[in-house]
Structures are given as C-alpha cells and as structure tokens.
Amino acid sequence: MTPTTDVRGLQGKAEARLASLREEKLVTRIAVLSTLLGQDKVTERLMIGMSVETHKTSPDFDQQKCSQAKSRIMQALGDIDCDVFIEMDR
C-alpha cells in the first residue's frame, strides 16, 4: 500500500463512520493530515471539524454539550488507529 492509498482508506473509513453525524450537521469537516517522517515512514492524523450552536467565547456556550459532541464523534470513529484532532468551527 502506498501513502496515498493509506490516506484515502483512512478518509473513507472516517467518512463512513461519521456519516450520520454529518447528516446531523455535527461533523462539518473530515480531513487527513499525512506527514512523511523519512525512510518511507508516514504518520496520519485525522482532523474533524465540529459545529456546536455557539462559539466557546460566547456567554451562552455550553461546555457539557461540547464535551458530549466530542464523545459522540470519538465513539462513532471507534478504533480508527490514528491520532484524532477535533476542532470547533465558528
């Protein structure tokens, strides 16, 4: 398998596992960051964008709701075998 194939496989796996959360508009973005470390060693990180009703700097921001949303994303991903970063979209 080539690094490009690995990235596409990881992207496809993440998209399939997060499809229902995407329909709910909780997940807004799925991307794979692939870094070549040398000697044909590649590391992949999954970047997930999520949307909550308010931004974390808003006075009505609900940290518990945000934590629950992140938990739902991680639970849906299951054992994806890479680092996962979840960013909140504004």
PDB file of N, CA and C in Angstrom:
ATOM      1  N   MET A   1       0.826  -1.180   0.000  1.00  0.00           N
ATOM      2  CA  MET A   1       0.000   0.000   0.000  1.00  0.00           C
ATOM      3  C   MET A   1       0.876   1.251   0.000  1.00  0.00           C
ATOM      4  N   THR A   2       0.502   2.234  -0.768  1.00  0.00           N
ATOM      5  CA  THR A   2       1.251   3.481  -0.818  1.00  0.00           C
ATOM      6  C   THR A   2       0.669   4.464   0.201  1.00  0.00           C
ATOM      7  N   PRO A   3       1.433   5.498   0.569  1.00  0.00           N
ATOM      8  CA  PRO A   3       0.894   6.500   1.500  1.00  0.00           C
ATOM      9  C   PRO A   3      -0.417   7.119   1.009  1.00  0.00           C
ATOM     10  N   THR A   4      -0.537   7.345  -0.301  1.00  0.00           N
ATOM     11  CA  THR A   4      -1.764   7.917  -0.854  1.00  0.00           C
ATOM     12  C   THR A   4      -2.935   6.970  -0.630  1.00  0.00           C
ATOM     13  N   THR A   5      -2.714   5.683  -0.829  1.00  0.00           N
ATOM     14  CA  THR A   5      -3.755   4.688  -0.610  1.00  0.00           C
ATOM     15  C   THR A   5      -4.159   4.649   0.857  1.00  0.00           C
ATOM     16  N   ASP A   6      -3.174   4.718   1.750  1.00  0.00           N
ATOM     17  CA  ASP A   6      -3.454   4.715   3.187  1.00  0.00           C
ATOM     18  C   ASP A   6      -4.334   5.900   3.579  1.00  0.00           C
ATOM     19  N   VAL A   7      -3.993   7.081   3.062  1.00  0.00           N
ATOM     20  CA  VAL A   7      -4.750   8.295   3.382  1.00  0.00           C
ATOM     21  C   VAL A   7      -6.175   8.173   2.868  1.00  0.00           C
ATOM     22  N   ARG A   8      -6.337   7.704   1.648  1.00  0.00           N
ATOM     23  CA  ARG A   8      -7.686   7.545   1.087  1.00  0.00           C
ATOM     24  C   ARG A   8      -8.489   6.523   1.880  1.00  0.00           C
ATOM     25  N   GLY A   9      -7.826   5.455   2.312  1.00  0.00           N
ATOM     26  CA  GLY A   9      -8.513   4.446   3.115  1.00  0.00           C
ATOM     27  C   GLY A   9      -8.963   4.997   4.456  1.00  0.00           C
ATOM     28  N   LEU A  10      -8.103   5.761   5.110  1.00  0.00           N
ATOM     29  CA  LEU A  10      -8.435   6.375   6.390  1.00  0.00           C
ATOM     30  C   LEU A  10      -9.556   7.393   6.221  1.00  0.00           C
ATOM     31  N   GLN A  11      -9.475   8.195   5.188  1.00  0.00           N
ATOM     32  CA  GLN A  11     -10.511   9.201   4.902  1.00  0.00           C
ATOM     33  C   GLN A  11     -11.859   8.507   4.672  1.00  0.00           C
ATOM     34  N   GLY A  12     -11.858   7.464   3.853  1.00  0.00           N
ATOM     35  CA  GLY A  12     -13.096   6.741   3.562  1.00  0.00           C
ATOM     36  C   GLY A  12     -13.685   6.087   4.801  1.00  0.00           C
ATOM     37  N   LYS A  13     -12.835   5.502   5.630  1.00  0.00           N
ATOM     38  CA  LYS A  13     -13.286   4.854   6.862  1.00  0.00           C
ATOM     39  C   LYS A  13     -13.919   5.891   7.797  1.00  0.00           C
ATOM     40  N   ALA A  14     -13.266   7.037   7.939  1.00  0.00           N
ATOM     41  CA  ALA A  14     -13.788   8.099   8.810  1.00  0.00           C
ATOM     42  C   ALA A  14     -15.111   8.639   8.272  1.00  0.00           C
ATOM     43  N   GLU A  15     -15.191   8.865   6.974  1.00  0.00           N
ATOM     44  CA  GLU A  15     -16.430   9.380   6.382  1.00  0.00           C
ATOM     45  C   GLU A  15     -17.581   8.406   6.584  1.00  0.00           C
ATOM     46  N   ALA A  16     -17.322   7.113   6.421  1.00  0.00           N
ATOM     47  CA  ALA A  16     -18.371   6.109   6.610  1.00  0.00           C
ATOM     48  C   ALA A  16     -18.841   6.076   8.063  1.00  0.00           C
ATOM     49  N   ARG A  17     -17.902   6.130   8.994  1.00  0.00           N
ATOM     50  CA  ARG A  17     -18.253   6.043  10.414  1.00  0.00           C
ATOM     51  C   ARG A  17     -18.933   7.312  10.933  1.00  0.00           C
ATOM     52  N   LEU A  18     -18.677   8.444  10.297  1.00  0.00           N
ATOM     53  CA  LEU A  18     -19.236   9.717  10.757  1.00  0.00           C
ATOM     54  C   LEU A  18     -20.405  10.201   9.906  1.00  0.00           C
ATOM     55  N   ALA A  19     -20.892   9.380   8.983  1.00  0.00           N
ATOM     56  CA  ALA A  19     -21.940   9.801   8.047  1.00  0.00           C
ATOM     57  C   ALA A  19     -23.194  10.315   8.762  1.00  0.00           C
ATOM     58  N   SER A  20     -23.656   9.612   9.776  1.00  0.00           N
ATOM     59  CA  SER A  20     -24.887  10.049  10.454  1.00  0.00           C
ATOM     60  C   SER A  20     -24.670  11.357  11.205  1.00  0.00           C
ATOM     61  N   LEU A  21     -23.469  11.550  11.770  1.00  0.00           N
ATOM     62  CA  LEU A  21     -23.190  12.814  12.469  1.00  0.00           C
ATOM     63  C   LEU A  21     -23.031  13.965  11.483  1.00  0.00           C
ATOM     64  N   ARG A  22     -22.610  13.644  10.282  1.00  0.00           N
ATOM     65  CA  ARG A  22     -22.547  14.673   9.233  1.00  0.00           C
ATOM     66  C   ARG A  22     -23.942  15.095   8.827  1.00  0.00           C
ATOM     67  N   GLU A  23     -24.851  14.124   8.731  1.00  0.00           N
ATOM     68  CA  GLU A  23     -26.245  14.437   8.391  1.00  0.00           C
ATOM     69  C   GLU A  23     -26.879  15.328   9.446  1.00  0.00           C
ATOM     70  N   GLU A  24     -26.496  15.126  10.712  1.00  0.00           N
ATOM     71  CA  GLU A  24     -26.993  15.962  11.812  1.00  0.00           C
ATOM     72  C   GLU A  24     -26.326  17.335  11.839  1.00  0.00           C
ATOM     73  N   LYS A  25     -25.342  17.532  10.989  1.00  0.00           N
ATOM     74  CA  LYS A  25     -24.571  18.782  10.917  1.00  0.00           C
ATOM     75  C   LYS A  25     -23.663  18.967  12.128  1.00  0.00           C
ATOM     76  N   LEU A  26     -23.390  17.894  12.869  1.00  0.00           N
ATOM     77  CA  LEU A  26     -22.454  17.970  13.988  1.00  0.00           C
ATOM     78  C   LEU A  26     -21.028  17.957  13.456  1.00  0.00           C
ATOM     79  N   VAL A  27     -20.761  17.066  12.500  1.00  0.00           N
ATOM     80  CA  VAL A  27     -19.449  16.999  11.853  1.00  0.00           C
ATOM     81  C   VAL A  27     -19.520  17.823  10.578  1.00  0.00           C
ATOM     82  N   THR A  28     -18.609  18.775  10.450  1.00  0.00           N
ATOM     83  CA  THR A  28     -18.625  19.674   9.290  1.00  0.00           C
ATOM     84  C   THR A  28     -17.462  19.436   8.338  1.00  0.00           C
ATOM     85  N   ARG A  29     -16.412  18.767   8.830  1.00  0.00           N
ATOM     86  CA  ARG A  29     -15.216  18.614   8.012  1.00  0.00           C
ATOM     87  C   ARG A  29     -14.475  17.360   8.452  1.00  0.00           C
ATOM     88  N   ILE A  30     -13.967  16.618   7.463  1.00  0.00           N
ATOM     89  CA  ILE A  30     -13.133  15.448   7.728  1.00  0.00           C
ATOM     90  C   ILE A  30     -11.926  15.550   6.805  1.00  0.00           C
ATOM     91  N   ALA A  31     -10.745  15.551   7.387  1.00  0.00           N
ATOM     92  CA  ALA A  31      -9.523  15.638   6.579  1.00  0.00           C
ATOM     93  C   ALA A  31      -8.445  14.774   7.218  1.00  0.00           C
ATOM     94  N   VAL A  32      -7.508  14.340   6.399  1.00  0.00           N
ATOM     95  CA  VAL A  32      -6.378  13.561   6.886  1.00  0.00           C
ATOM     96  C   VAL A  32      -5.111  14.354   6.631  1.00  0.00           C
ATOM     97  N   LEU A  33      -4.331  14.523   7.666  1.00  0.00           N
ATOM     98  CA  LEU A  33      -3.030  15.171   7.553  1.00  0.00           C
ATOM     99  C   LEU A  33      -1.987  14.068   7.567  1.00  0.00           C
ATOM    100  N   SER A  34      -1.242  13.962   6.499  1.00  0.00           N
ATOM    101  CA  SER A  34      -0.239  12.909   6.371  1.00  0.00           C
ATOM    102  C   SER A  34       1.142  13.562   6.359  1.00  0.00           C
ATOM    103  N   THR A  35       2.034  13.048   7.204  1.00  0.00           N
ATOM    104  CA  THR A  35       3.372  13.608   7.323  1.00  0.00           C
ATOM    105  C   THR A  35       4.403  12.528   7.051  1.00  0.00           C
ATOM    106  N   LEU A  36       5.291  12.788   6.101  1.00  0.00           N
ATOM    107  CA  LEU A  36       6.379  11.867   5.787  1.00  0.00           C
ATOM    108  C   LEU A  36       7.503  12.106   6.781  1.00  0.00           C
ATOM    109  N   LEU A  37       7.845  11.076   7.546  1.00  0.00           N
ATOM    110  CA  LEU A  37       8.865  11.210   8.585  1.00  0.00           C
ATOM    111  C   LEU A  37      10.243  10.779   8.111  1.00  0.00           C
ATOM    112  N   GLY A  38      10.347  10.274   6.918  1.00  0.00           N
ATOM    113  CA  GLY A  38      11.624   9.802   6.387  1.00  0.00           C
ATOM    114  C   GLY A  38      11.655   8.288   6.328  1.00  0.00           C
ATOM    115  N   GLN A  39      12.503   7.770   5.468  1.00  0.00           N
ATOM    116  CA  GLN A  39      12.665   6.335   5.273  1.00  0.00           C
ATOM    117  C   GLN A  39      11.313   5.640   5.096  1.00  0.00           C
ATOM    118  N   ASP A  40      10.446   6.224   4.289  1.00  0.00           N
ATOM    119  CA  ASP A  40       9.133   5.665   3.955  1.00  0.00           C
ATOM    120  C   ASP A  40       8.199   5.510   5.159  1.00  0.00           C
ATOM    121  N   LYS A  41       8.461   6.211   6.242  1.00  0.00           N
ATOM    122  CA  LYS A  41       7.567   6.172   7.403  1.00  0.00           C
ATOM    123  C   LYS A  41       6.645   7.387   7.327  1.00  0.00           C
ATOM    124  N   VAL A  42       5.357   7.109   7.419  1.00  0.00           N
ATOM    125  CA  VAL A  42       4.344   8.154   7.315  1.00  0.00           C
ATOM    126  C   VAL A  42       3.450   8.095   8.545  1.00  0.00           C
ATOM    127  N   THR A  43       3.101   9.251   9.069  1.00  0.00           N
ATOM    128  CA  THR A  43       2.137   9.303  10.168  1.00  0.00           C
ATOM    129  C   THR A  43       0.895  10.039   9.677  1.00  0.00           C
ATOM    130  N   GLU A  44      -0.257   9.557  10.098  1.00  0.00           N
ATOM    131  CA  GLU A  44      -1.513  10.193   9.707  1.00  0.00           C
ATOM    132  C   GLU A  44      -2.266  10.685  10.928  1.00  0.00           C
ATOM    133  N   ARG A  45      -2.893  11.824  10.751  1.00  0.00           N
ATOM    134  CA  ARG A  45      -3.753  12.392  11.789  1.00  0.00           C
ATOM    135  C   ARG A  45      -5.085  12.735  11.151  1.00  0.00           C
ATOM    136  N   LEU A  46      -6.137  12.418  11.844  1.00  0.00           N
ATOM    137  CA  LEU A  46      -7.477  12.703  11.359  1.00  0.00           C
ATOM    138  C   LEU A  46      -7.931  14.024  11.968  1.00  0.00           C
ATOM    139  N   MET A  47      -8.330  14.957  11.130  1.00  0.00           N
ATOM    140  CA  MET A  47      -8.790  16.266  11.577  1.00  0.00           C
ATOM    141  C   MET A  47     -10.308  16.331  11.357  1.00  0.00           C
ATOM    142  N   ILE A  48     -11.047  16.557  12.427  1.00  0.00           N
ATOM    143  CA  ILE A  48     -12.502  16.603  12.363  1.00  0.00           C
ATOM    144  C   ILE A  48     -12.956  18.002  12.757  1.00  0.00           C
ATOM    145  N   GLY A  49     -13.805  18.591  11.937  1.00  0.00           N
ATOM    146  CA  GLY A  49     -14.429  19.873  12.286  1.00  0.00           C
ATOM    147  C   GLY A  49     -15.810  19.587  12.839  1.00  0.00           C
ATOM    148  N   MET A  50     -16.153  20.222  13.935  1.00  0.00           N
ATOM    149  CA  MET A  50     -17.484  20.015  14.502  1.00  0.00           C
ATOM    150  C   MET A  50     -18.150  21.356  14.727  1.00  0.00           C
ATOM    151  N   SER A  51     -19.455  21.332  14.696  1.00  0.00           N
ATOM    152  CA  SER A  51     -20.220  22.555  14.880  1.00  0.00           C
ATOM    153  C   SER A  51     -21.112  22.408  16.108  1.00  0.00           C
ATOM    154  N   VAL A  52     -21.040  23.372  16.981  1.00  0.00           N
ATOM    155  CA  VAL A  52     -21.983  23.469  18.096  1.00  0.00           C
ATOM    156  C   VAL A  52     -22.713  24.789  17.928  1.00  0.00           C
ATOM    157  N   GLU A  53     -23.797  24.951  18.632  1.00  0.00           N
ATOM    158  CA  GLU A  53     -24.656  26.115  18.384  1.00  0.00           C
ATOM    159  C   GLU A  53     -23.994  27.458  18.670  1.00  0.00           C
ATOM    160  N   THR A  54     -23.071  27.494  19.605  1.00  0.00           N
ATOM    161  CA  THR A  54     -22.412  28.755  19.934  1.00  0.00           C
ATOM    162  C   THR A  54     -20.910  28.554  20.005  1.00  0.00           C
ATOM    163  N   HIS A  55     -20.175  29.608  19.885  1.00  0.00           N
ATOM    164  CA  HIS A  55     -18.714  29.545  19.973  1.00  0.00           C
ATOM    165  C   HIS A  55     -18.297  29.572  21.435  1.00  0.00           C
ATOM    166  N   LYS A  56     -17.132  28.995  21.725  1.00  0.00           N
ATOM    167  CA  LYS A  56     -16.694  28.864  23.120  1.00  0.00           C
ATOM    168  C   LYS A  56     -16.474  30.199  23.828  1.00  0.00           C
ATOM    169  N   THR A  57     -16.367  31.306  23.085  1.00  0.00           N
ATOM    170  CA  THR A  57     -16.208  32.609  23.730  1.00  0.00           C
ATOM    171  C   THR A  57     -17.555  33.297  23.971  1.00  0.00           C
ATOM    172  N   SER A  58     -18.639  32.695  23.497  1.00  0.00           N
ATOM    173  CA  SER A  58     -19.964  33.286  23.698  1.00  0.00           C
ATOM    174  C   SER A  58     -20.427  33.085  25.138  1.00  0.00           C
ATOM    175  N   PRO A  59     -21.192  34.026  25.657  1.00  0.00           N
ATOM    176  CA  PRO A  59     -21.656  33.888  27.040  1.00  0.00           C
ATOM    177  C   PRO A  59     -22.587  32.686  27.254  1.00  0.00           C
ATOM    178  N   ASP A  60     -23.248  32.228  26.206  1.00  0.00           N
ATOM    179  CA  ASP A  60     -24.176  31.092  26.351  1.00  0.00           C
ATOM    180  C   ASP A  60     -23.544  29.755  25.936  1.00  0.00           C
ATOM    181  N   PHE A  61     -22.214  29.704  25.852  1.00  0.00           N
ATOM    182  CA  PHE A  61     -21.521  28.467  25.471  1.00  0.00           C
ATOM    183  C   PHE A  61     -21.734  27.399  26.532  1.00  0.00           C
ATOM    184  N   ASP A  62     -22.048  26.189  26.093  1.00  0.00           N
ATOM    185  CA  ASP A  62     -22.318  25.074  26.993  1.00  0.00           C
ATOM    186  C   ASP A  62     -21.190  24.049  26.854  1.00  0.00           C
ATOM    187  N   GLN A  63     -20.252  24.050  27.799  1.00  0.00           N
ATOM    188  CA  GLN A  63     -19.100  23.149  27.745  1.00  0.00           C
ATOM    189  C   GLN A  63     -19.525  21.683  27.803  1.00  0.00           C
ATOM    190  N   GLN A  64     -20.554  21.378  28.561  1.00  0.00           N
ATOM    191  CA  GLN A  64     -21.022  19.998  28.668  1.00  0.00           C
ATOM    192  C   GLN A  64     -21.540  19.504  27.314  1.00  0.00           C
ATOM    193  N   LYS A  65     -22.269  20.347  26.613  1.00  0.00           N
ATOM    194  CA  LYS A  65     -22.792  19.978  25.290  1.00  0.00           C
ATOM    195  C   LYS A  65     -21.630  19.746  24.319  1.00  0.00           C
ATOM    196  N   CYS A  66     -20.619  20.572  24.406  1.00  0.00           N
ATOM    197  CA  CYS A  66     -19.437  20.430  23.556  1.00  0.00           C
ATOM    198  C   CYS A  66     -18.718  19.112  23.863  1.00  0.00           C
ATOM    199  N   SER A  67     -18.540  18.794  25.120  1.00  0.00           N
ATOM    200  CA  SER A  67     -17.883  17.548  25.519  1.00  0.00           C
ATOM    201  C   SER A  67     -18.678  16.328  25.058  1.00  0.00           C
ATOM    202  N   GLN A  68     -19.998  16.410  25.151  1.00  0.00           N
ATOM    203  CA  GLN A  68     -20.846  15.318  24.690  1.00  0.00           C
ATOM    204  C   GLN A  68     -20.716  15.127  23.179  1.00  0.00           C
ATOM    205  N   ALA A  69     -20.627  16.224  22.447  1.00  0.00           N
ATOM    206  CA  ALA A  69     -20.475  16.143  20.991  1.00  0.00           C
ATOM    207  C   ALA A  69     -19.144  15.487  20.630  1.00  0.00           C
ATOM    208  N   LYS A  70     -18.076  15.861  21.314  1.00  0.00           N
ATOM    209  CA  LYS A  70     -16.771  15.247  21.066  1.00  0.00           C
ATOM    210  C   LYS A  70     -16.804  13.753  21.385  1.00  0.00           C
ATOM    211  N   SER A  71     -17.477  13.393  22.460  1.00  0.00           N
ATOM    212  CA  SER A  71     -17.603  11.974  22.826  1.00  0.00           C
ATOM    213  C   SER A  71     -18.352  11.196  21.757  1.00  0.00           C
ATOM    214  N   ARG A  72     -19.416  11.783  21.218  1.00  0.00           N
ATOM    215  CA  ARG A  72     -20.174  11.117  20.149  1.00  0.00           C
ATOM    216  C   ARG A  72     -19.305  10.889  18.921  1.00  0.00           C
ATOM    217  N   ILE A  73     -18.468  11.863  18.593  1.00  0.00           N
ATOM    218  CA  ILE A  73     -17.582  11.725  17.441  1.00  0.00           C
ATOM    219  C   ILE A  73     -16.574  10.611  17.688  1.00  0.00           C
ATOM    220  N   MET A  74     -15.941  10.613  18.841  1.00  0.00           N
ATOM    221  CA  MET A  74     -14.937   9.586  19.154  1.00  0.00           C
ATOM    222  C   MET A  74     -15.571   8.198  19.209  1.00  0.00           C
ATOM    223  N   GLN A  75     -16.775   8.115  19.746  1.00  0.00           N
ATOM    224  CA  GLN A  75     -17.476   6.837  19.816  1.00  0.00           C
ATOM    225  C   GLN A  75     -17.806   6.330  18.415  1.00  0.00           C
ATOM    226  N   ALA A  76     -18.234   7.213  17.538  1.00  0.00           N
ATOM    227  CA  ALA A  76     -18.561   6.819  16.167  1.00  0.00           C
ATOM    228  C   ALA A  76     -17.313   6.361  15.410  1.00  0.00           C
ATOM    229  N   LEU A  77     -16.190   7.006  15.671  1.00  0.00           N
ATOM    230  CA  LEU A  77     -14.950   6.617  14.998  1.00  0.00           C
ATOM    231  C   LEU A  77     -14.456   5.257  15.463  1.00  0.00           C
ATOM    232  N   GLY A  78     -14.704   4.935  16.714  1.00  0.00           N
ATOM    233  CA  GLY A  78     -14.234   3.660  17.252  1.00  0.00           C
ATOM    234  C   GLY A  78     -12.713   3.603  17.236  1.00  0.00           C
ATOM    235  N   ASP A  79     -12.169   2.439  16.998  1.00  0.00           N
ATOM    236  CA  ASP A  79     -10.719   2.241  16.968  1.00  0.00           C
ATOM    237  C   ASP A  79     -10.221   2.546  15.556  1.00  0.00           C
ATOM    238  N   ILE A  80      -9.934   3.801  15.285  1.00  0.00           N
ATOM    239  CA  ILE A  80      -9.547   4.255  13.944  1.00  0.00           C
ATOM    240  C   ILE A  80      -8.045   4.129  13.709  1.00  0.00           C
ATOM    241  N   ASP A  81      -7.270   3.881  14.745  1.00  0.00           N
ATOM    242  CA  ASP A  81      -5.828   3.614  14.647  1.00  0.00           C
ATOM    243  C   ASP A  81      -5.010   4.799  14.118  1.00  0.00           C
ATOM    244  N   CYS A  82      -5.342   6.004  14.605  1.00  0.00           N
ATOM    245  CA  CYS A  82      -4.525   7.190  14.330  1.00  0.00           C
ATOM    246  C   CYS A  82      -4.924   8.266  15.328  1.00  0.00           C
ATOM    247  N   ASP A  83      -4.124   9.318  15.410  1.00  0.00           N
ATOM    248  CA  ASP A  83      -4.467  10.446  16.272  1.00  0.00           C
ATOM    249  C   ASP A  83      -5.662  11.184  15.678  1.00  0.00           C
ATOM    250  N   VAL A  84      -6.548  11.656  16.536  1.00  0.00           N
ATOM    251  CA  VAL A  84      -7.734  12.388  16.093  1.00  0.00           C
ATOM    252  C   VAL A  84      -7.735  13.755  16.765  1.00  0.00           C
ATOM    253  N   PHE A  85      -7.881  14.793  15.954  1.00  0.00           N
ATOM    254  CA  PHE A  85      -7.993  16.160  16.458  1.00  0.00           C
ATOM    255  C   PHE A  85      -9.371  16.680  16.079  1.00  0.00           C
ATOM    256  N   ILE A  86     -10.091  17.205  17.060  1.00  0.00           N
ATOM    257  CA  ILE A  86     -11.422  17.745  16.806  1.00  0.00           C
ATOM    258  C   ILE A  86     -11.370  19.243  17.035  1.00  0.00           C
ATOM    259  N   GLU A  87     -11.741  19.988  16.003  1.00  0.00           N
ATOM    260  CA  GLU A  87     -11.749  21.452  16.080  1.00  0.00           C
ATOM    261  C   GLU A  87     -13.197  21.935  16.028  1.00  0.00           C
ATOM    262  N   MET A  88     -13.464  22.978  16.781  1.00  0.00           N
ATOM    263  CA  MET A  88     -14.777  23.566  16.749  1.00  0.00           C
ATOM    264  C   MET A  88     -14.827  24.651  15.686  1.00  0.00           C
ATOM    265  N   ASP A  89     -15.793  24.538  14.788  1.00  0.00           N
ATOM    266  CA  ASP A  89     -15.991  25.585  13.772  1.00  0.00           C
ATOM    267  C   ASP A  89     -16.759  26.734  14.379  1.00  0.00           C
ATOM    268  N   ARG A  90     -16.450  27.913  13.893  1.00  0.00           N
ATOM    269  CA  ARG A  90     -17.163  29.097  14.366  1.00  0.00           C
ATOM    270  C   ARG A  90     -18.453  29.257  13.611  1.00  0.00           C
TER     271      ARG A  90
END
